[in-house]
Amino acid sequence: VQLQASGGGLVQAGDSLRLSCGASGRGFGWYAMGWFRQAPGKEREFVAGISRTISITDYADSVKGRFTISRDIAKNTMYLQMNSLKPEDTAVYYCAAAYVRQTGVLLKDREYDYWGQGTLVTVSS
């Protein structure tokens, strides 16, 4: 599967932004998917994940209550709605997918097989 992330940009603190991750191929609903981010000088970190089929979700503590992950199987697209953005949310955001049997959220980047190219989100104070 090929992934393409989009929707990044420059916003002010408190603004909202929605990222999209389009996927090619079939069986989109059978993939566990996630969003990760990497800020300058920092390691890539988990942001949000959604399980295959029944779409269980999980979030990093730093974004809980502000970000929402979802997917539209008919459109082969995953979303990350980001509200109340903070300067510390500034990073390159990556979407990822993994074809797995279990119905759980994958929290570690090494568990994912496919990655999008990343989209830059910059939040000014």
PDB file of N, CA and C in Angstrom:
ATOM      1  N   VAL A   1       0.848  -1.186   0.000  1.00  0.00           N
ATOM      2  CA  VAL A   1       0.000   0.000   0.000  1.00  0.00           C
ATOM      3  C   VAL A   1       0.892   1.247   0.000  1.00  0.00           C
ATOM      4  N   GLN A   2       0.463   2.254  -0.706  1.00  0.00           N
ATOM      5  CA  GLN A   2       1.185   3.525  -0.724  1.00  0.00           C
ATOM      6  C   GLN A   2       0.364   4.573  -0.007  1.00  0.00           C
ATOM      7  N   LEU A   3       1.053   5.391   0.789  1.00  0.00           N
ATOM      8  CA  LEU A   3       0.386   6.400   1.596  1.00  0.00           C
ATOM      9  C   LEU A   3       0.864   7.781   1.203  1.00  0.00           C
ATOM     10  N   GLN A   4      -0.029   8.731   1.225  1.00  0.00           N
ATOM     11  CA  GLN A   4       0.340  10.114   0.939  1.00  0.00           C
ATOM     12  C   GLN A   4      -0.340  11.027   1.940  1.00  0.00           C
ATOM     13  N   ALA A   5       0.483  11.685   2.735  1.00  0.00           N
ATOM     14  CA  ALA A   5      -0.029  12.605   3.743  1.00  0.00           C
ATOM     15  C   ALA A   5      -0.122  14.011   3.163  1.00  0.00           C
ATOM     16  N   SER A   6      -1.124  14.749   3.615  1.00  0.00           N
ATOM     17  CA  SER A   6      -1.306  16.124   3.165  1.00  0.00           C
ATOM     18  C   SER A   6      -2.048  16.908   4.232  1.00  0.00           C
ATOM     19  N   GLY A   7      -2.087  18.223   4.050  1.00  0.00           N
ATOM     20  CA  GLY A   7      -2.869  19.067   4.938  1.00  0.00           C
ATOM     21  C   GLY A   7      -2.079  19.897   5.909  1.00  0.00           C
ATOM     22  N   GLY A   8      -0.768  19.734   5.921  1.00  0.00           N
ATOM     23  CA  GLY A   8       0.052  20.531   6.831  1.00  0.00           C
ATOM     24  C   GLY A   8       0.091  21.985   6.415  1.00  0.00           C
ATOM     25  N   GLY A   9       0.627  22.811   7.305  1.00  0.00           N
ATOM     26  CA  GLY A   9       0.735  24.228   6.998  1.00  0.00           C
ATOM     27  C   GLY A   9       1.176  25.030   8.193  1.00  0.00           C
ATOM     28  N   LEU A  10       1.144  26.335   8.030  1.00  0.00           N
ATOM     29  CA  LEU A  10       1.517  27.259   9.092  1.00  0.00           C
ATOM     30  C   LEU A  10       0.252  27.846   9.709  1.00  0.00           C
ATOM     31  N   VAL A  11       0.091  27.641  11.016  1.00  0.00           N
ATOM     32  CA  VAL A  11      -1.083  28.155  11.723  1.00  0.00           C
ATOM     33  C   VAL A  11      -0.626  28.822  13.018  1.00  0.00           C
ATOM     34  N   GLN A  12      -1.559  29.512  13.645  1.00  0.00           N
ATOM     35  CA  GLN A  12      -1.266  30.150  14.926  1.00  0.00           C
ATOM     36  C   GLN A  12      -1.741  29.263  16.071  1.00  0.00           C
ATOM     37  N   ALA A  13      -1.153  29.474  17.213  1.00  0.00           N
ATOM     38  CA  ALA A  13      -1.570  28.727  18.399  1.00  0.00           C
ATOM     39  C   ALA A  13      -3.073  28.897  18.614  1.00  0.00           C
ATOM     40  N   GLY A  14      -3.738  27.793  18.916  1.00  0.00           N
ATOM     41  CA  GLY A  14      -5.177  27.801  19.114  1.00  0.00           C
ATOM     42  C   GLY A  14      -5.977  27.453  17.875  1.00  0.00           C
ATOM     43  N   ASP A  15      -5.341  27.478  16.736  1.00  0.00           N
ATOM     44  CA  ASP A  15      -6.026  27.145  15.484  1.00  0.00           C
ATOM     45  C   ASP A  15      -6.213  25.649  15.332  1.00  0.00           C
ATOM     46  N   SER A  16      -6.943  25.289  14.294  1.00  0.00           N
ATOM     47  CA  SER A  16      -7.187  23.885  13.963  1.00  0.00           C
ATOM     48  C   SER A  16      -6.637  23.570  12.584  1.00  0.00           C
ATOM     49  N   LEU A  17      -6.368  22.289  12.385  1.00  0.00           N
ATOM     50  CA  LEU A  17      -5.853  21.821  11.100  1.00  0.00           C
ATOM     51  C   LEU A  17      -6.279  20.369  10.952  1.00  0.00           C
ATOM     52  N   ARG A  18      -6.569  19.946   9.743  1.00  0.00           N
ATOM     53  CA  ARG A  18      -6.895  18.543   9.514  1.00  0.00           C
ATOM     54  C   ARG A  18      -5.906  17.946   8.523  1.00  0.00           C
ATOM     55  N   LEU A  19      -5.239  16.916   8.944  1.00  0.00           N
ATOM     56  CA  LEU A  19      -4.341  16.182   8.074  1.00  0.00           C
ATOM     57  C   LEU A  19      -5.098  15.017   7.434  1.00  0.00           C
ATOM     58  N   SER A  20      -4.697  14.688   6.218  1.00  0.00           N
ATOM     59  CA  SER A  20      -5.279  13.552   5.516  1.00  0.00           C
ATOM     60  C   SER A  20      -4.165  12.602   5.098  1.00  0.00           C
ATOM     61  N   CYS A  21      -4.515  11.333   5.024  1.00  0.00           N
ATOM     62  CA  CYS A  21      -3.570  10.317   4.562  1.00  0.00           C
ATOM     63  C   CYS A  21      -4.322   9.423   3.588  1.00  0.00           C
ATOM     64  N   GLY A  22      -4.053   9.596   2.315  1.00  0.00           N
ATOM     65  CA  GLY A  22      -4.689   8.782   1.298  1.00  0.00           C
ATOM     66  C   GLY A  22      -3.906   7.505   1.064  1.00  0.00           C
ATOM     67  N   ALA A  23      -4.623   6.404   0.907  1.00  0.00           N
ATOM     68  CA  ALA A  23      -3.986   5.112   0.709  1.00  0.00           C
ATOM     69  C   ALA A  23      -4.403   4.513  -0.619  1.00  0.00           C
ATOM     70  N   SER A  24      -3.457   3.920  -1.304  1.00  0.00           N
ATOM     71  CA  SER A  24      -3.758   3.215  -2.544  1.00  0.00           C
ATOM     72  C   SER A  24      -4.036   1.758  -2.218  1.00  0.00           C
ATOM     73  N   GLY A  25      -4.565   1.036  -3.143  1.00  0.00           N
ATOM     74  CA  GLY A  25      -4.767  -0.382  -2.945  1.00  0.00           C
ATOM     75  C   GLY A  25      -6.103  -0.720  -2.304  1.00  0.00           C
ATOM     76  N   ARG A  26      -6.286  -2.018  -2.061  1.00  0.00           N
ATOM     77  CA  ARG A  26      -7.543  -2.504  -1.519  1.00  0.00           C
ATOM     78  C   ARG A  26      -7.372  -2.949  -0.071  1.00  0.00           C
ATOM     79  N   GLY A  27      -8.509  -3.199   0.564  1.00  0.00           N
ATOM     80  CA  GLY A  27      -8.463  -3.704   1.925  1.00  0.00           C
ATOM     81  C   GLY A  27      -8.057  -2.681   2.951  1.00  0.00           C
ATOM     82  N   PHE A  28      -8.384  -1.434   2.701  1.00  0.00           N
ATOM     83  CA  PHE A  28      -7.975  -0.350   3.599  1.00  0.00           C
ATOM     84  C   PHE A  28      -8.395  -0.606   5.035  1.00  0.00           C
ATOM     85  N   GLY A  29      -9.580  -1.154   5.209  1.00  0.00           N
ATOM     86  CA  GLY A  29     -10.097  -1.384   6.556  1.00  0.00           C
ATOM     87  C   GLY A  29      -9.370  -2.459   7.325  1.00  0.00           C
ATOM     88  N   TRP A  30      -8.538  -3.240   6.675  1.00  0.00           N
ATOM     89  CA  TRP A  30      -7.827  -4.320   7.331  1.00  0.00           C
ATOM     90  C   TRP A  30      -6.472  -3.875   7.883  1.00  0.00           C
ATOM     91  N   TYR A  31      -6.132  -2.623   7.662  1.00  0.00           N
ATOM     92  CA  TYR A  31      -4.852  -2.106   8.124  1.00  0.00           C
ATOM     93  C   TYR A  31      -5.019  -1.337   9.430  1.00  0.00           C
ATOM     94  N   ALA A  32      -4.136  -1.601  10.368  1.00  0.00           N
ATOM     95  CA  ALA A  32      -3.989  -0.695  11.498  1.00  0.00           C
ATOM     96  C   ALA A  32      -3.212   0.512  10.997  1.00  0.00           C
ATOM     97  N   MET A  33      -3.609   1.693  11.442  1.00  0.00           N
ATOM     98  CA  MET A  33      -2.970   2.894  10.933  1.00  0.00           C
ATOM     99  C   MET A  33      -2.634   3.846  12.074  1.00  0.00           C
ATOM    100  N   GLY A  34      -1.725   4.745  11.793  1.00  0.00           N
ATOM    101  CA  GLY A  34      -1.344   5.676  12.843  1.00  0.00           C
ATOM    102  C   GLY A  34      -0.722   6.940  12.298  1.00  0.00           C
ATOM    103  N   TRP A  35      -0.638   7.914  13.175  1.00  0.00           N
ATOM    104  CA  TRP A  35       0.069   9.163  12.908  1.00  0.00           C
ATOM    105  C   TRP A  35       1.234   9.276  13.885  1.00  0.00           C
ATOM    106  N   PHE A  36       2.374   9.651  13.346  1.00  0.00           N
ATOM    107  CA  PHE A  36       3.560   9.925  14.138  1.00  0.00           C
ATOM    108  C   PHE A  36       4.044  11.322  13.782  1.00  0.00           C
ATOM    109  N   ARG A  37       4.907  11.871  14.617  1.00  0.00           N
ATOM    110  CA  ARG A  37       5.475  13.168  14.294  1.00  0.00           C
ATOM    111  C   ARG A  37       6.922  13.220  14.745  1.00  0.00           C
ATOM    112  N   GLN A  38       7.665  14.081  14.083  1.00  0.00           N
ATOM    113  CA  GLN A  38       9.059  14.263  14.445  1.00  0.00           C
ATOM    114  C   GLN A  38       9.381  15.746  14.405  1.00  0.00           C
ATOM    115  N   ALA A  39       9.716  16.270  15.555  1.00  0.00           N
ATOM    116  CA  ALA A  39      10.118  17.665  15.667  1.00  0.00           C
ATOM    117  C   ALA A  39      11.621  17.775  15.445  1.00  0.00           C
ATOM    118  N   PRO A  40      12.112  18.943  15.065  1.00  0.00           N
ATOM    119  CA  PRO A  40      13.549  19.110  14.841  1.00  0.00           C
ATOM    120  C   PRO A  40      14.363  18.717  16.061  1.00  0.00           C
ATOM    121  N   GLY A  41      15.349  17.874  15.846  1.00  0.00           N
ATOM    122  CA  GLY A  41      16.224  17.461  16.932  1.00  0.00           C
ATOM    123  C   GLY A  41      15.640  16.434  17.878  1.00  0.00           C
ATOM    124  N   LYS A  42      14.458  15.936  17.568  1.00  0.00           N
ATOM    125  CA  LYS A  42      13.810  14.961  18.444  1.00  0.00           C
ATOM    126  C   LYS A  42      13.519  13.677  17.693  1.00  0.00           C
ATOM    127  N   GLU A  43      13.268  12.623  18.456  1.00  0.00           N
ATOM    128  CA  GLU A  43      12.917  11.348  17.847  1.00  0.00           C
ATOM    129  C   GLU A  43      11.463  11.360  17.392  1.00  0.00           C
ATOM    130  N   ARG A  44      11.172  10.504  16.454  1.00  0.00           N
ATOM    131  CA  ARG A  44       9.797  10.359  15.998  1.00  0.00           C
ATOM    132  C   ARG A  44       8.951   9.782  17.137  1.00  0.00           C
ATOM    133  N   GLU A  45       7.770  10.314  17.304  1.00  0.00           N
ATOM    134  CA  GLU A  45       6.905   9.870  18.395  1.00  0.00           C
ATOM    135  C   GLU A  45       5.501   9.566  17.909  1.00  0.00           C
ATOM    136  N   PHE A  46       4.861   8.663  18.615  1.00  0.00           N
ATOM    137  CA  PHE A  46       3.480   8.287  18.331  1.00  0.00           C
ATOM    138  C   PHE A  46       2.556   9.441  18.687  1.00  0.00           C
ATOM    139  N   VAL A  47       1.590   9.685  17.822  1.00  0.00           N
ATOM    140  CA  VAL A  47       0.585  10.717  18.069  1.00  0.00           C
ATOM    141  C   VAL A  47      -0.798  10.098  18.282  1.00  0.00           C
ATOM    142  N   ALA A  48      -1.215   9.276  17.325  1.00  0.00           N
ATOM    143  CA  ALA A  48      -2.544   8.666  17.403  1.00  0.00           C
ATOM    144  C   ALA A  48      -2.560   7.420  16.536  1.00  0.00           C
ATOM    145  N   GLY A  49      -3.414   6.477  16.914  1.00  0.00           N
ATOM    146  CA  GLY A  49      -3.522   5.256  16.136  1.00  0.00           C
ATOM    147  C   GLY A  49      -4.957   4.772  16.086  1.00  0.00           C
ATOM    148  N   ILE A  50      -5.253   4.009  15.063  1.00  0.00           N
ATOM    149  CA  ILE A  50      -6.588   3.449  14.880  1.00  0.00           C
ATOM    150  C   ILE A  50      -6.424   2.011  14.429  1.00  0.00           C
ATOM    151  N   SER A  51      -7.186   1.120  15.061  1.00  0.00           N
ATOM    152  CA  SER A  51      -7.027  -0.297  14.763  1.00  0.00           C
ATOM    153  C   SER A  51      -7.731  -0.674  13.479  1.00  0.00           C
ATOM    154  N   ARG A  52      -7.427  -1.855  12.975  1.00  0.00           N
ATOM    155  CA  ARG A  52      -8.141  -2.365  11.814  1.00  0.00           C
ATOM    156  C   ARG A  52      -9.585  -2.675  12.186  1.00  0.00           C
ATOM    157  N   THR A  53     -10.397  -2.767  11.199  1.00  0.00           N
ATOM    158  CA  THR A  53     -11.820  -3.160  11.241  1.00  0.00           C
ATOM    159  C   THR A  53     -12.668  -2.349  12.221  1.00  0.00           C
ATOM    160  N   ILE A  54     -12.571  -2.605  13.522  1.00  0.00           N
ATOM    161  CA  ILE A  54     -13.514  -1.965  14.448  1.00  0.00           C
ATOM    162  C   ILE A  54     -13.071  -0.589  14.908  1.00  0.00           C
ATOM    163  N   SER A  55     -11.902  -0.131  14.431  1.00  0.00           N
ATOM    164  CA  SER A  55     -11.441   1.248  14.629  1.00  0.00           C
ATOM    165  C   SER A  55     -11.374   1.697  16.083  1.00  0.00           C
ATOM    166  N   ILE A  56     -10.724   0.900  16.892  1.00  0.00           N
ATOM    167  CA  ILE A  56     -10.345   1.360  18.231  1.00  0.00           C
ATOM    168  C   ILE A  56      -9.285   2.443  18.061  1.00  0.00           C
ATOM    169  N   THR A  57      -9.328   3.467  18.898  1.00  0.00           N
ATOM    170  CA  THR A  57      -8.344   4.549  18.779  1.00  0.00           C
ATOM    171  C   THR A  57      -7.560   4.728  20.073  1.00  0.00           C
ATOM    172  N   ASP A  58      -6.390   5.314  19.950  1.00  0.00           N
ATOM    173  CA  ASP A  58      -5.568   5.648  21.109  1.00  0.00           C
ATOM    174  C   ASP A  58      -4.733   6.866  20.751  1.00  0.00           C
ATOM    175  N   TYR A  59      -4.340   7.606  21.790  1.00  0.00           N
ATOM    176  CA  TYR A  59      -3.634   8.860  21.580  1.00  0.00           C
ATOM    177  C   TYR A  59      -2.480   9.016  22.558  1.00  0.00           C
ATOM    178  N   ALA A  60      -1.501   9.768  22.137  1.00  0.00           N
ATOM    179  CA  ALA A  60      -0.460  10.183  23.066  1.00  0.00           C
ATOM    180  C   ALA A  60      -1.078  11.136  24.083  1.00  0.00           C
ATOM    181  N   ASP A  61      -0.585  11.097  25.295  1.00  0.00           N
ATOM    182  CA  ASP A  61      -1.134  11.954  26.347  1.00  0.00           C
ATOM    183  C   ASP A  61      -1.081  13.430  25.954  1.00  0.00           C
ATOM    184  N   SER A  62      -0.064  13.810  25.215  1.00  0.00           N
ATOM    185  CA  SER A  62       0.125  15.216  24.867  1.00  0.00           C
ATOM    186  C   SER A  62      -0.939  15.752  23.921  1.00  0.00           C
ATOM    187  N   VAL A  63      -1.694  14.857  23.256  1.00  0.00           N
ATOM    188  CA  VAL A  63      -2.700  15.323  22.294  1.00  0.00           C
ATOM    189  C   VAL A  63      -4.110  14.897  22.659  1.00  0.00           C
ATOM    190  N   LYS A  64      -4.255  14.122  23.715  1.00  0.00           N
ATOM    191  CA  LYS A  64      -5.592  13.663  24.115  1.00  0.00           C
ATOM    192  C   LYS A  64      -6.505  14.850  24.377  1.00  0.00           C
ATOM    193  N   GLY A  65      -7.719  14.748  23.849  1.00  0.00           N
ATOM    194  CA  GLY A  65      -8.688  15.818  24.021  1.00  0.00           C
ATOM    195  C   GLY A  65      -8.568  16.922  22.992  1.00  0.00           C
ATOM    196  N   ARG A  66      -7.492  16.928  22.233  1.00  0.00           N
ATOM    197  CA  ARG A  66      -7.294  17.958  21.202  1.00  0.00           C
ATOM    198  C   ARG A  66      -7.295  17.375  19.786  1.00  0.00           C
ATOM    199  N   PHE A  67      -6.754  16.168  19.633  1.00  0.00           N
ATOM    200  CA  PHE A  67      -6.648  15.536  18.321  1.00  0.00           C
ATOM    201  C   PHE A  67      -7.632  14.389  18.220  1.00  0.00           C
ATOM    202  N   THR A  68      -8.125  14.156  17.011  1.00  0.00           N
ATOM    203  CA  THR A  68      -9.027  13.036  16.748  1.00  0.00           C
ATOM    204  C   THR A  68      -8.601  12.335  15.474  1.00  0.00           C
ATOM    205  N   ILE A  69      -8.380  11.036  15.591  1.00  0.00           N
ATOM    206  CA  ILE A  69      -8.040  10.224  14.423  1.00  0.00           C
ATOM    207  C   ILE A  69      -9.302   9.529  13.924  1.00  0.00           C
ATOM    208  N   SER A  70      -9.430   9.424  12.617  1.00  0.00           N
ATOM    209  CA  SER A  70     -10.589   8.749  12.038  1.00  0.00           C
ATOM    210  C   SER A  70     -10.207   8.257  10.658  1.00  0.00           C
ATOM    211  N   ARG A  71     -11.089   7.452  10.078  1.00  0.00           N
ATOM    212  CA  ARG A  71     -10.843   7.045   8.701  1.00  0.00           C
ATOM    213  C   ARG A  71     -12.148   6.829   7.980  1.00  0.00           C
ATOM    214  N   ASP A  72     -12.106   7.055   6.694  1.00  0.00           N
ATOM    215  CA  ASP A  72     -13.237   6.841   5.803  1.00  0.00           C
ATOM    216  C   ASP A  72     -12.827   5.714   4.859  1.00  0.00           C
ATOM    217  N   ILE A  73     -13.390   4.531   5.108  1.00  0.00           N
ATOM    218  CA  ILE A  73     -12.976   3.369   4.324  1.00  0.00           C
ATOM    219  C   ILE A  73     -13.383   3.524   2.863  1.00  0.00           C
ATOM    220  N   ALA A  74     -14.523   4.135   2.619  1.00  0.00           N
ATOM    221  CA  ALA A  74     -14.988   4.315   1.242  1.00  0.00           C
ATOM    222  C   ALA A  74     -14.035   5.197   0.443  1.00  0.00           C
ATOM    223  N   LYS A  75     -13.363   6.114   1.136  1.00  0.00           N
ATOM    224  CA  LYS A  75     -12.441   7.026   0.471  1.00  0.00           C
ATOM    225  C   LYS A  75     -10.987   6.614   0.625  1.00  0.00           C
ATOM    226  N   ASN A  76     -10.747   5.489   1.303  1.00  0.00           N
ATOM    227  CA  ASN A  76      -9.368   5.046   1.539  1.00  0.00           C
ATOM    228  C   ASN A  76      -8.514   6.149   2.154  1.00  0.00           C
ATOM    229  N   THR A  77      -9.079   6.854   3.091  1.00  0.00           N
ATOM    230  CA  THR A  77      -8.393   8.001   3.664  1.00  0.00           C
ATOM    231  C   THR A  77      -8.505   7.998   5.181  1.00  0.00           C
ATOM    232  N   MET A  78      -7.395   8.327   5.821  1.00  0.00           N
ATOM    233  CA  MET A  78      -7.350   8.500   7.266  1.00  0.00           C
ATOM    234  C   MET A  78      -7.153   9.988   7.550  1.00  0.00           C
ATOM    235  N   TYR A  79      -7.700  10.432   8.675  1.00  0.00           N
ATOM    236  CA  TYR A  79      -7.620  11.846   9.020  1.00  0.00           C
ATOM    237  C   TYR A  79      -7.048  12.038  10.420  1.00  0.00           C
ATOM    238  N   LEU A  80      -6.488  13.197  10.634  1.00  0.00           N
ATOM    239  CA  LEU A  80      -6.117  13.620  11.978  1.00  0.00           C
ATOM    240  C   LEU A  80      -6.617  15.050  12.148  1.00  0.00           C
ATOM    241  N   GLN A  81      -7.692  15.199  12.896  1.00  0.00           N
ATOM    242  CA  GLN A  81      -8.215  16.516  13.206  1.00  0.00           C
ATOM    243  C   GLN A  81      -7.462  17.055  14.407  1.00  0.00           C
ATOM    244  N   MET A  82      -6.826  18.189  14.237  1.00  0.00           N
ATOM    245  CA  MET A  82      -6.008  18.767  15.298  1.00  0.00           C
ATOM    246  C   MET A  82      -6.604  20.108  15.709  1.00  0.00           C
ATOM    247  N   ASN A  83      -7.054  20.183  16.936  1.00  0.00           N
ATOM    248  CA  ASN A  83      -7.635  21.412  17.474  1.00  0.00           C
ATOM    249  C   ASN A  83      -6.744  21.975  18.575  1.00  0.00           C
ATOM    250  N   SER A  84      -6.963  23.225  18.883  1.00  0.00           N
ATOM    251  CA  SER A  84      -6.213  23.897  19.963  1.00  0.00           C
ATOM    252  C   SER A  84      -4.708  23.653  19.822  1.00  0.00           C
ATOM    253  N   LEU A  85      -4.213  23.891  18.645  1.00  0.00           N
ATOM    254  CA  LEU A  85      -2.798  23.604  18.375  1.00  0.00           C
ATOM    255  C   LEU A  85      -1.880  24.481  19.216  1.00  0.00           C
ATOM    256  N   LYS A  86      -0.756  23.899  19.585  1.00  0.00           N
ATOM    257  CA  LYS A  86       0.246  24.565  20.409  1.00  0.00           C
ATOM    258  C   LYS A  86       1.568  24.606  19.650  1.00  0.00           C
ATOM    259  N   PRO A  87       2.423  25.542  19.988  1.00  0.00           N
ATOM    260  CA  PRO A  87       3.741  25.579  19.317  1.00  0.00           C
ATOM    261  C   PRO A  87       4.498  24.258  19.435  1.00  0.00           C
ATOM    262  N   GLU A  88       4.319  23.545  20.534  1.00  0.00           N
ATOM    263  CA  GLU A  88       5.011  22.265  20.700  1.00  0.00           C
ATOM    264  C   GLU A  88       4.464  21.156  19.813  1.00  0.00           C
ATOM    265  N   ASP A  89       3.383  21.437  19.080  1.00  0.00           N
ATOM    266  CA  ASP A  89       2.877  20.481  18.096  1.00  0.00           C
ATOM    267  C   ASP A  89       3.613  20.614  16.768  1.00  0.00           C
ATOM    268  N   THR A  90       4.476  21.593  16.648  1.00  0.00           N
ATOM    269  CA  THR A  90       5.230  21.786  15.418  1.00  0.00           C
ATOM    270  C   THR A  90       6.120  20.583  15.140  1.00  0.00           C
ATOM    271  N   ALA A  91       5.940  20.007  13.954  1.00  0.00           N
ATOM    272  CA  ALA A  91       6.687  18.801  13.590  1.00  0.00           C
ATOM    273  C   ALA A  91       6.308  18.405  12.167  1.00  0.00           C
ATOM    274  N   VAL A  92       7.065  17.456  11.637  1.00  0.00           N
ATOM    275  CA  VAL A  92       6.644  16.768  10.423  1.00  0.00           C
ATOM    276  C   VAL A  92       5.789  15.588  10.859  1.00  0.00           C
ATOM    277  N   TYR A  93       4.610  15.507  10.308  1.00  0.00           N
ATOM    278  CA  TYR A  93       3.658  14.458  10.667  1.00  0.00           C
ATOM    279  C   TYR A  93       3.663  13.385   9.580  1.00  0.00           C
ATOM    280  N   TYR A  94       3.761  12.136  10.024  1.00  0.00           N
ATOM    281  CA  TYR A  94       3.800  11.001   9.125  1.00  0.00           C
ATOM    282  C   TYR A  94       2.608  10.086   9.393  1.00  0.00           C
ATOM    283  N   CYS A  95       2.031   9.550   8.319  1.00  0.00           N
ATOM    284  CA  CYS A  95       1.033   8.515   8.509  1.00  0.00           C
ATOM    285  C   CYS A  95       1.671   7.161   8.193  1.00  0.00           C
ATOM    286  N   ALA A  96       1.142   6.135   8.816  1.00  0.00           N
ATOM    287  CA  ALA A  96       1.714   4.806   8.685  1.00  0.00           C
ATOM    288  C   ALA A  96       0.608   3.762   8.708  1.00  0.00           C
ATOM    289  N   ALA A  97       0.911   2.605   8.125  1.00  0.00           N
ATOM    290  CA  ALA A  97      -0.070   1.520   8.061  1.00  0.00           C
ATOM    291  C   ALA A  97       0.620   0.178   8.262  1.00  0.00           C
ATOM    292  N   ALA A  98      -0.135  -0.766   8.790  1.00  0.00           N
ATOM    293  CA  ALA A  98       0.383  -2.118   8.975  1.00  0.00           C
ATOM    294  C   ALA A  98      -0.743  -3.104   8.753  1.00  0.00           C
ATOM    295  N   TYR A  99      -0.449  -4.154   7.992  1.00  0.00           N
ATOM    296  CA  TYR A  99      -1.443  -5.208   7.767  1.00  0.00           C
ATOM    297  C   TYR A  99      -1.259  -6.223   8.885  1.00  0.00           C
ATOM    298  N   VAL A 100      -2.209  -6.255   9.795  1.00  0.00           N
ATOM    299  CA  VAL A 100      -2.076  -7.101  10.976  1.00  0.00           C
ATOM    300  C   VAL A 100      -3.332  -7.919  11.201  1.00  0.00           C
ATOM    301  N   ARG A 101      -3.198  -8.958  12.003  1.00  0.00           N
ATOM    302  CA  ARG A 101      -4.337  -9.805  12.322  1.00  0.00           C
ATOM    303  C   ARG A 101      -5.071  -9.319  13.565  1.00  0.00           C
ATOM    304  N   GLN A 102      -4.316  -8.757  14.501  1.00  0.00           N
ATOM    305  CA  GLN A 102      -4.956  -8.387  15.756  1.00  0.00           C
ATOM    306  C   GLN A 102      -5.684  -7.065  15.631  1.00  0.00           C
ATOM    307  N   THR A 103      -6.725  -6.911  16.436  1.00  0.00           N
ATOM    308  CA  THR A 103      -7.486  -5.668  16.448  1.00  0.00           C
ATOM    309  C   THR A 103      -7.053  -4.834  17.633  1.00  0.00           C
ATOM    310  N   GLY A 104      -5.931  -4.203  17.511  1.00  0.00           N
ATOM    311  CA  GLY A 104      -5.445  -3.306  18.550  1.00  0.00           C
ATOM    312  C   GLY A 104      -4.732  -2.147  17.909  1.00  0.00           C
ATOM    313  N   VAL A 105      -4.482  -1.121  18.688  1.00  0.00           N
ATOM    314  CA  VAL A 105      -3.761   0.039  18.178  1.00  0.00           C
ATOM    315  C   VAL A 105      -2.268  -0.230  18.297  1.00  0.00           C
ATOM    316  N   LEU A 106      -1.543   0.030  17.251  1.00  0.00           N
ATOM    317  CA  LEU A 106      -0.096  -0.142  17.252  1.00  0.00           C
ATOM    318  C   LEU A 106       0.546   1.173  17.683  1.00  0.00           C
ATOM    319  N   LEU A 107       1.361   1.100  18.715  1.00  0.00           N
ATOM    320  CA  LEU A 107       1.911   2.305  19.314  1.00  0.00           C
ATOM    321  C   LEU A 107       3.352   2.601  18.912  1.00  0.00           C
ATOM    322  N   LYS A 108       4.044   1.616  18.388  1.00  0.00           N
ATOM    323  CA  LYS A 108       5.463   1.776  18.096  1.00  0.00           C
ATOM    324  C   LYS A 108       5.715   1.859  16.597  1.00  0.00           C
ATOM    325  N   ASP A 109       6.620   2.736  16.212  1.00  0.00           N
ATOM    326  CA  ASP A 109       6.838   2.918  14.783  1.00  0.00           C
ATOM    327  C   ASP A 109       7.379   1.660  14.121  1.00  0.00           C
ATOM    328  N   ARG A 110       8.100   0.834  14.853  1.00  0.00           N
ATOM    329  CA  ARG A 110       8.661  -0.376  14.234  1.00  0.00           C
ATOM    330  C   ARG A 110       7.583  -1.405  13.898  1.00  0.00           C
ATOM    331  N   GLU A 111       6.374  -1.200  14.406  1.00  0.00           N
ATOM    332  CA  GLU A 111       5.282  -2.124  14.113  1.00  0.00           C
ATOM    333  C   GLU A 111       4.616  -1.823  12.767  1.00  0.00           C
ATOM    334  N   TYR A 112       4.941  -0.695  12.193  1.00  0.00           N
ATOM    335  CA  TYR A 112       4.315  -0.289  10.936  1.00  0.00           C
ATOM    336  C   TYR A 112       5.199  -0.621   9.736  1.00  0.00           C
ATOM    337  N   ASP A 113       4.547  -1.021   8.655  1.00  0.00           N
ATOM    338  CA  ASP A 113       5.269  -1.446   7.462  1.00  0.00           C
ATOM    339  C   ASP A 113       5.318  -0.387   6.370  1.00  0.00           C
ATOM    340  N   TYR A 114       4.324   0.471   6.338  1.00  0.00           N
ATOM    341  CA  TYR A 114       4.193   1.434   5.251  1.00  0.00           C
ATOM    342  C   TYR A 114       4.115   2.847   5.828  1.00  0.00           C
ATOM    343  N   TRP A 115       4.790   3.773   5.148  1.00  0.00           N
ATOM    344  CA  TRP A 115       4.878   5.152   5.634  1.00  0.00           C
ATOM    345  C   TRP A 115       4.613   6.144   4.504  1.00  0.00           C
ATOM    346  N   GLY A 116       3.928   7.217   4.857  1.00  0.00           N
ATOM    347  CA  GLY A 116       3.774   8.327   3.940  1.00  0.00           C
ATOM    348  C   GLY A 116       4.997   9.222   3.995  1.00  0.00           C
ATOM    349  N   GLN A 117       5.015  10.242   3.157  1.00  0.00           N
ATOM    350  CA  GLN A 117       6.206  11.079   3.008  1.00  0.00           C
ATOM    351  C   GLN A 117       6.305  12.173   4.056  1.00  0.00           C
ATOM    352  N   GLY A 118       5.266  12.414   4.811  1.00  0.00           N
ATOM    353  CA  GLY A 118       5.316  13.445   5.837  1.00  0.00           C
ATOM    354  C   GLY A 118       4.760  14.767   5.360  1.00  0.00           C
ATOM    355  N   THR A 119       4.131  15.474   6.285  1.00  0.00           N
ATOM    356  CA  THR A 119       3.625  16.807   5.996  1.00  0.00           C
ATOM    357  C   THR A 119       3.956  17.711   7.188  1.00  0.00           C
ATOM    358  N   LEU A 120       4.457  18.901   6.902  1.00  0.00           N
ATOM    359  CA  LEU A 120       4.961  19.786   7.942  1.00  0.00           C
ATOM    360  C   LEU A 120       3.846  20.625   8.542  1.00  0.00           C
ATOM    361  N   VAL A 121       3.779  20.592   9.857  1.00  0.00           N
ATOM    362  CA  VAL A 121       2.851  21.440  10.605  1.00  0.00           C
ATOM    363  C   VAL A 121       3.687  22.397  11.455  1.00  0.00           C
ATOM    364  N   THR A 122       3.448  23.673  11.273  1.00  0.00           N
ATOM    365  CA  THR A 122       4.156  24.685  12.038  1.00  0.00           C
ATOM    366  C   THR A 122       3.143  25.542  12.781  1.00  0.00           C
ATOM    367  N   VAL A 123       3.287  25.601  14.093  1.00  0.00           N
ATOM    368  CA  VAL A 123       2.358  26.364  14.923  1.00  0.00           C
ATOM    369  C   VAL A 123       3.127  27.524  15.542  1.00  0.00           C
ATOM    370  N   SER A 124       2.718  28.725  15.197  1.00  0.00           N
ATOM    371  CA  SER A 124       3.392  29.907  15.732  1.00  0.00           C
ATOM    372  C   SER A 124       2.691  30.381  17.006  1.00  0.00           C
ATOM    373  N   SER A 125       3.458  30.977  17.886  1.00  0.00           N
ATOM    374  CA  SER A 125       2.892  31.449  19.168  1.00  0.00           C
ATOM    375  C   SER A 125       2.347  32.860  19.052  1.00  0.00           C
TER     376      SER A 125
END
